Amino acid sequence: MLKNIYITHGYTANSSKHWFPWLKQQLKVRSKNNEFSTALFDMPNSSQPDPQQWLAYHQQQIQHLDEHSYFIGHSLGCVATLRYLQQMKKKIGGVILVAGFAEPLPNLPELDAFCTPALDFDALINLIPKRLVIASDDDDVVNVQFSRNLAQNLQADYIELTQHRHFLDRQGITECPIIYEKLMEMLG
């Protein structure tokens, strides 16, 4: 059965930033038998993101949403992905949320609209059987406590790395093998 992987970047980013091109290439190499497809999104207006635009974009771009669908979000892409999944109310395969948050960040009030109203974590837990949050203890954009809270609220597995900061290319993170490894585990 074909598995669909959807990757959503964060604030001010795009599909060619950070570790996204590397991950897409790893998945392309791995999927020689076309057992999965990968969609790496370019979210609209990422420098001034609007939650309704991002929700509509997900709804337009995602054609197959079922238990063979897997999502990877980074930073703002995490809460945007979760909000989309909550809206769609369909069971999926799993999510990997990197440097994520789901509550207002004191240092980025311009993103508050993505966090209100609060997510329905009980509903999300029922829709997403495999849940993983990955964070770094030295994140200088999203304080690691927000990622810990996200993992706790989602009852997700949690991996806390060191020296990955906010998983950005300008911080030297252009590859992130643990994301690939954990995705491969999820895909079985």
C-alpha atoms as a PDB file:
ATOM      1  CA  MET A   1       0.000   0.000   0.000  1.00  0.00           C
ATOM      2  CA  LEU A   2       1.342   3.438  -0.951  1.00  0.00           C
ATOM      3  CA  LYS A   3       2.273   5.573   2.053  1.00  0.00           C
ATOM      4  CA  ASN A   4       2.058   9.354   1.766  1.00  0.00           C
ATOM      5  CA  ILE A   5       4.481  11.598   3.624  1.00  0.00           C
ATOM      6  CA  TYR A   6       3.680  15.293   4.021  1.00  0.00           C
ATOM      7  CA  ILE A   7       6.267  17.804   5.280  1.00  0.00           C
ATOM      8  CA  THR A   8       5.299  21.275   6.518  1.00  0.00           C
ATOM      9  CA  HIS A   9       7.958  23.902   7.209  1.00  0.00           C
ATOM     10  CA  GLY A  10       7.699  26.726   9.718  1.00  0.00           C
ATOM     11  CA  TYR A  11       7.730  30.495  10.005  1.00  0.00           C
ATOM     12  CA  THR A  12       9.769  32.344   7.314  1.00  0.00           C
ATOM     13  CA  ALA A  13      10.925  29.053   5.789  1.00  0.00           C
ATOM     14  CA  ASN A  14      10.262  27.200   2.543  1.00  0.00           C
ATOM     15  CA  SER A  15      10.843  23.764   1.042  1.00  0.00           C
ATOM     16  CA  SER A  16      14.481  24.460   0.154  1.00  0.00           C
ATOM     17  CA  LYS A  17      15.565  25.451   3.681  1.00  0.00           C
ATOM     18  CA  HIS A  18      17.063  23.596   6.625  1.00  0.00           C
ATOM     19  CA  TRP A  19      17.016  19.768   6.444  1.00  0.00           C
ATOM     20  CA  PHE A  20      13.981  19.448   4.180  1.00  0.00           C
ATOM     21  CA  PRO A  21      15.813  18.907   0.832  1.00  0.00           C
ATOM     22  CA  TRP A  22      18.107  16.359   2.472  1.00  0.00           C
ATOM     23  CA  LEU A  23      15.156  14.449   3.951  1.00  0.00           C
ATOM     24  CA  LYS A  24      13.253  14.485   0.664  1.00  0.00           C
ATOM     25  CA  GLN A  25      16.342  13.120  -1.112  1.00  0.00           C
ATOM     26  CA  GLN A  26      16.749  10.352   1.507  1.00  0.00           C
ATOM     27  CA  LEU A  27      13.121   9.364   1.011  1.00  0.00           C
ATOM     28  CA  LYS A  28      13.474   9.437  -2.778  1.00  0.00           C
ATOM     29  CA  VAL A  29      16.488   7.107  -2.610  1.00  0.00           C
ATOM     30  CA  ARG A  30      14.725   4.808  -0.152  1.00  0.00           C
ATOM     31  CA  SER A  31      11.504   4.568  -2.151  1.00  0.00           C
ATOM     32  CA  LYS A  32      12.937   2.764  -5.166  1.00  0.00           C
ATOM     33  CA  ASN A  33       9.815   0.600  -5.350  1.00  0.00           C
ATOM     34  CA  ASN A  34       7.518   3.622  -5.048  1.00  0.00           C
ATOM     35  CA  GLU A  35       6.210   2.387  -1.705  1.00  0.00           C
ATOM     36  CA  PHE A  36       5.723   5.959  -0.579  1.00  0.00           C
ATOM     37  CA  SER A  37       5.359   9.451  -1.991  1.00  0.00           C
ATOM     38  CA  THR A  38       6.649  12.623  -0.396  1.00  0.00           C
ATOM     39  CA  ALA A  39       5.096  16.081  -0.582  1.00  0.00           C
ATOM     40  CA  LEU A  40       7.286  18.913   0.708  1.00  0.00           C
ATOM     41  CA  PHE A  41       5.079  21.974   0.955  1.00  0.00           C
ATOM     42  CA  ASP A  42       5.782  25.644   0.340  1.00  0.00           C
ATOM     43  CA  MET A  43       3.285  27.200   2.690  1.00  0.00           C
ATOM     44  CA  PRO A  44       1.723  30.513   1.617  1.00  0.00           C
ATOM     45  CA  ASN A  45       3.175  33.793   2.820  1.00  0.00           C
ATOM     46  CA  SER A  46       5.496  32.204   5.391  1.00  0.00           C
ATOM     47  CA  SER A  47       6.901  35.581   6.483  1.00  0.00           C
ATOM     48  CA  GLN A  48       3.417  36.739   7.521  1.00  0.00           C
ATOM     49  CA  PRO A  49       1.597  33.432   7.971  1.00  0.00           C
ATOM     50  CA  ASP A  50      -2.142  33.245   8.387  1.00  0.00           C
ATOM     51  CA  PRO A  51      -3.638  30.133  10.039  1.00  0.00           C
ATOM     52  CA  GLN A  52      -6.678  30.073   7.737  1.00  0.00           C
ATOM     53  CA  GLN A  53      -4.491  30.291   4.624  1.00  0.00           C
ATOM     54  CA  TRP A  54      -2.275  27.481   5.904  1.00  0.00           C
ATOM     55  CA  LEU A  55      -5.302  25.334   6.731  1.00  0.00           C
ATOM     56  CA  ALA A  56      -6.784  25.939   3.264  1.00  0.00           C
ATOM     57  CA  TYR A  57      -3.427  25.152   1.648  1.00  0.00           C
ATOM     58  CA  HIS A  58      -3.214  21.811   3.469  1.00  0.00           C
ATOM     59  CA  GLN A  59      -6.791  21.027   2.445  1.00  0.00           C
ATOM     60  CA  GLN A  60      -6.024  21.813  -1.208  1.00  0.00           C
ATOM     61  CA  GLN A  61      -2.687  19.992  -1.381  1.00  0.00           C
ATOM     62  CA  ILE A  62      -3.419  16.780   0.534  1.00  0.00           C
ATOM     63  CA  GLN A  63      -5.309  14.396  -1.727  1.00  0.00           C
ATOM     64  CA  HIS A  64      -4.880  11.191   0.280  1.00  0.00           C
ATOM     65  CA  LEU A  65      -5.586  11.254   3.995  1.00  0.00           C
ATOM     66  CA  ASP A  66      -5.863   7.880   5.692  1.00  0.00           C
ATOM     67  CA  GLU A  67      -4.008   5.453   7.936  1.00  0.00           C
ATOM     68  CA  HIS A  68      -1.198   5.382   5.337  1.00  0.00           C
ATOM     69  CA  SER A  69      -0.572   9.136   5.730  1.00  0.00           C
ATOM     70  CA  TYR A  70       2.374  10.430   7.770  1.00  0.00           C
ATOM     71  CA  PHE A  71       3.196  14.022   8.634  1.00  0.00           C
ATOM     72  CA  ILE A  72       6.392  15.825   9.574  1.00  0.00           C
ATOM     73  CA  GLY A  73       6.166  19.365  10.880  1.00  0.00           C
ATOM     74  CA  HIS A  74       8.850  21.827  11.900  1.00  0.00           C
ATOM     75  CA  SER A  75       8.216  24.651  14.369  1.00  0.00           C
ATOM     76  CA  LEU A  76       5.071  26.517  13.208  1.00  0.00           C
ATOM     77  CA  GLY A  77       4.460  23.643  10.797  1.00  0.00           C
ATOM     78  CA  CYS A  78       3.718  21.412  13.807  1.00  0.00           C
ATOM     79  CA  VAL A  79       0.732  23.314  15.157  1.00  0.00           C
ATOM     80  CA  ALA A  80      -0.467  24.040  11.598  1.00  0.00           C
ATOM     81  CA  THR A  81      -0.368  20.309  10.801  1.00  0.00           C
ATOM     82  CA  LEU A  82      -2.154  19.374  14.024  1.00  0.00           C
ATOM     83  CA  ARG A  83      -4.852  21.973  13.395  1.00  0.00           C
ATOM     84  CA  TYR A  84      -5.387  20.543   9.892  1.00  0.00           C
ATOM     85  CA  LEU A  85      -5.615  16.978  11.236  1.00  0.00           C
ATOM     86  CA  GLN A  86      -8.043  18.052  13.958  1.00  0.00           C
ATOM     87  CA  GLN A  87     -10.229  19.722  11.318  1.00  0.00           C
ATOM     88  CA  MET A  88     -10.216  16.702   8.988  1.00  0.00           C
ATOM     89  CA  LYS A  89     -11.117  14.164  11.710  1.00  0.00           C
ATOM     90  CA  LYS A  90      -9.551  11.199   9.870  1.00  0.00           C
ATOM     91  CA  LYS A  91      -7.279   8.573  11.347  1.00  0.00           C
ATOM     92  CA  ILE A  92      -3.716   8.730   9.979  1.00  0.00           C
ATOM     93  CA  GLY A  93      -0.497   6.728  10.409  1.00  0.00           C
ATOM     94  CA  GLY A  94       1.612   9.102  12.458  1.00  0.00           C
ATOM     95  CA  VAL A  95       3.329  12.447  13.025  1.00  0.00           C
ATOM     96  CA  ILE A  96       6.840  13.624  13.781  1.00  0.00           C
ATOM     97  CA  LEU A  97       6.896  17.131  15.220  1.00  0.00           C
ATOM     98  CA  VAL A  98      10.295  18.882  15.310  1.00  0.00           C
ATOM     99  CA  ALA A  99      10.863  21.898  17.581  1.00  0.00           C
ATOM    100  CA  GLY A 100       7.108  22.209  17.835  1.00  0.00           C
ATOM    101  CA  PHE A 101       4.716  24.134  20.024  1.00  0.00           C
ATOM    102  CA  ALA A 102       0.955  24.507  20.391  1.00  0.00           C
ATOM    103  CA  GLU A 103       0.662  27.445  22.755  1.00  0.00           C
ATOM    104  CA  PRO A 104       1.486  31.148  22.330  1.00  0.00           C
ATOM    105  CA  LEU A 105       5.207  31.915  22.368  1.00  0.00           C
ATOM    106  CA  PRO A 106       6.216  35.022  24.345  1.00  0.00           C
ATOM    107  CA  ASN A 107       8.927  35.868  21.798  1.00  0.00           C
ATOM    108  CA  LEU A 108       6.719  35.387  18.702  1.00  0.00           C
ATOM    109  CA  PRO A 109       3.295  36.931  19.438  1.00  0.00           C
ATOM    110  CA  GLU A 110       2.670  37.240  15.680  1.00  0.00           C
ATOM    111  CA  LEU A 111       2.072  33.470  15.666  1.00  0.00           C
ATOM    112  CA  ASP A 112      -0.523  33.453  18.474  1.00  0.00           C
ATOM    113  CA  ALA A 113      -3.433  33.009  16.039  1.00  0.00           C
ATOM    114  CA  PHE A 114      -2.138  29.511  15.196  1.00  0.00           C
ATOM    115  CA  CYS A 115      -2.474  28.514  18.868  1.00  0.00           C
ATOM    116  CA  THR A 116      -5.979  29.739  19.614  1.00  0.00           C
ATOM    117  CA  PRO A 117      -8.330  28.190  20.278  1.00  0.00           C
ATOM    118  CA  ALA A 118      -6.355  25.460  21.999  1.00  0.00           C
ATOM    119  CA  LEU A 119      -6.044  22.154  20.165  1.00  0.00           C
ATOM    120  CA  ASP A 120      -8.250  19.213  21.154  1.00  0.00           C
ATOM    121  CA  PHE A 121      -5.457  16.877  22.200  1.00  0.00           C
ATOM    122  CA  ASP A 122      -7.797  14.011  23.125  1.00  0.00           C
ATOM    123  CA  ALA A 123      -9.226  14.031  19.596  1.00  0.00           C
ATOM    124  CA  LEU A 124      -5.741  14.208  18.066  1.00  0.00           C
ATOM    125  CA  ILE A 125      -4.504  11.292  20.185  1.00  0.00           C
ATOM    126  CA  ASN A 126      -7.415   9.209  18.866  1.00  0.00           C
ATOM    127  CA  LEU A 127      -6.650  10.176  15.256  1.00  0.00           C
ATOM    128  CA  ILE A 128      -2.863   9.703  15.392  1.00  0.00           C
ATOM    129  CA  PRO A 129      -1.632   6.354  16.724  1.00  0.00           C
ATOM    130  CA  LYS A 130       2.096   7.102  16.289  1.00  0.00           C
ATOM    131  CA  ARG A 131       3.248  10.407  17.739  1.00  0.00           C
ATOM    132  CA  LEU A 132       6.797  11.693  18.213  1.00  0.00           C
ATOM    133  CA  VAL A 133       8.132  15.078  19.276  1.00  0.00           C
ATOM    134  CA  ILE A 134      11.807  15.877  18.705  1.00  0.00           C
ATOM    135  CA  ALA A 135      13.370  18.931  20.343  1.00  0.00           C
ATOM    136  CA  SER A 136      16.753  20.342  21.311  1.00  0.00           C
ATOM    137  CA  ASP A 137      17.623  21.460  24.816  1.00  0.00           C
ATOM    138  CA  ASP A 138      19.316  24.602  23.445  1.00  0.00           C
ATOM    139  CA  ASP A 139      16.513  25.759  21.104  1.00  0.00           C
ATOM    140  CA  ASP A 140      16.841  29.543  20.869  1.00  0.00           C
ATOM    141  CA  VAL A 141      13.554  30.152  19.008  1.00  0.00           C
ATOM    142  CA  VAL A 142      11.016  27.807  20.627  1.00  0.00           C
ATOM    143  CA  ASN A 143      12.006  27.261  24.240  1.00  0.00           C
ATOM    144  CA  VAL A 144      12.337  23.519  24.754  1.00  0.00           C
ATOM    145  CA  GLN A 145       9.660  23.599  27.466  1.00  0.00           C
ATOM    146  CA  PHE A 146       7.035  24.340  24.788  1.00  0.00           C
ATOM    147  CA  SER A 147       8.065  21.198  22.890  1.00  0.00           C
ATOM    148  CA  ARG A 148       8.002  19.198  26.121  1.00  0.00           C
ATOM    149  CA  ASN A 149       4.476  20.511  26.774  1.00  0.00           C
ATOM    150  CA  LEU A 150       3.436  19.531  23.250  1.00  0.00           C
ATOM    151  CA  ALA A 151       4.751  15.997  23.751  1.00  0.00           C
ATOM    152  CA  GLN A 152       3.027  15.690  27.116  1.00  0.00           C
ATOM    153  CA  ASN A 153      -0.315  17.016  25.823  1.00  0.00           C
ATOM    154  CA  LEU A 154      -0.179  14.667  22.823  1.00  0.00           C
ATOM    155  CA  GLN A 155       1.055  11.748  24.955  1.00  0.00           C
ATOM    156  CA  ALA A 156       3.786  11.474  22.329  1.00  0.00           C
ATOM    157  CA  ASP A 157       7.147   9.785  22.436  1.00  0.00           C
ATOM    158  CA  TYR A 158       9.765  12.443  23.084  1.00  0.00           C
ATOM    159  CA  ILE A 159      13.388  12.780  22.049  1.00  0.00           C
ATOM    160  CA  GLU A 160      15.448  15.680  23.342  1.00  0.00           C
ATOM    161  CA  LEU A 161      18.693  16.281  21.508  1.00  0.00           C
ATOM    162  CA  THR A 162      21.491  18.674  22.309  1.00  0.00           C
ATOM    163  CA  GLN A 163      23.280  21.177  20.065  1.00  0.00           C
ATOM    164  CA  HIS A 164      20.550  21.243  17.410  1.00  0.00           C
ATOM    165  CA  ARG A 165      19.097  24.587  18.544  1.00  0.00           C
ATOM    166  CA  HIS A 166      16.044  25.263  16.310  1.00  0.00           C
ATOM    167  CA  PHE A 167      17.067  22.778  13.583  1.00  0.00           C
ATOM    168  CA  LEU A 168      17.897  25.567  11.101  1.00  0.00           C
ATOM    169  CA  ASP A 169      20.356  25.564   8.217  1.00  0.00           C
ATOM    170  CA  ARG A 170      21.952  28.805   9.462  1.00  0.00           C
ATOM    171  CA  GLN A 171      22.690  26.887  12.689  1.00  0.00           C
ATOM    172  CA  GLY A 172      24.390  24.121  10.729  1.00  0.00           C
ATOM    173  CA  ILE A 173      21.453  21.678  10.604  1.00  0.00           C
ATOM    174  CA  THR A 174      21.131  20.713   6.934  1.00  0.00           C
ATOM    175  CA  GLU A 175      20.708  17.004   7.708  1.00  0.00           C
ATOM    176  CA  CYS A 176      18.902  15.342  10.587  1.00  0.00           C
ATOM    177  CA  PRO A 177      19.297  11.556  10.488  1.00  0.00           C
ATOM    178  CA  ILE A 178      17.158  10.929  13.581  1.00  0.00           C
ATOM    179  CA  ILE A 179      14.076  12.285  11.787  1.00  0.00           C
ATOM    180  CA  TYR A 180      14.689   9.918   8.885  1.00  0.00           C
ATOM    181  CA  GLU A 181      15.391   6.961  11.189  1.00  0.00           C
ATOM    182  CA  LYS A 182      12.273   7.532  13.276  1.00  0.00           C
ATOM    183  CA  LEU A 183      10.130   7.980  10.165  1.00  0.00           C
ATOM    184  CA  MET A 184      11.419   4.672   8.783  1.00  0.00           C
ATOM    185  CA  GLU A 185      10.496   3.002  12.099  1.00  0.00           C
ATOM    186  CA  MET A 186       7.007   4.514  11.899  1.00  0.00           C
ATOM    187  CA  LEU A 187       6.550   3.376   8.309  1.00  0.00           C
ATOM    188  CA  GLY A 188       7.496  -0.151   9.366  1.00  0.00           C
END
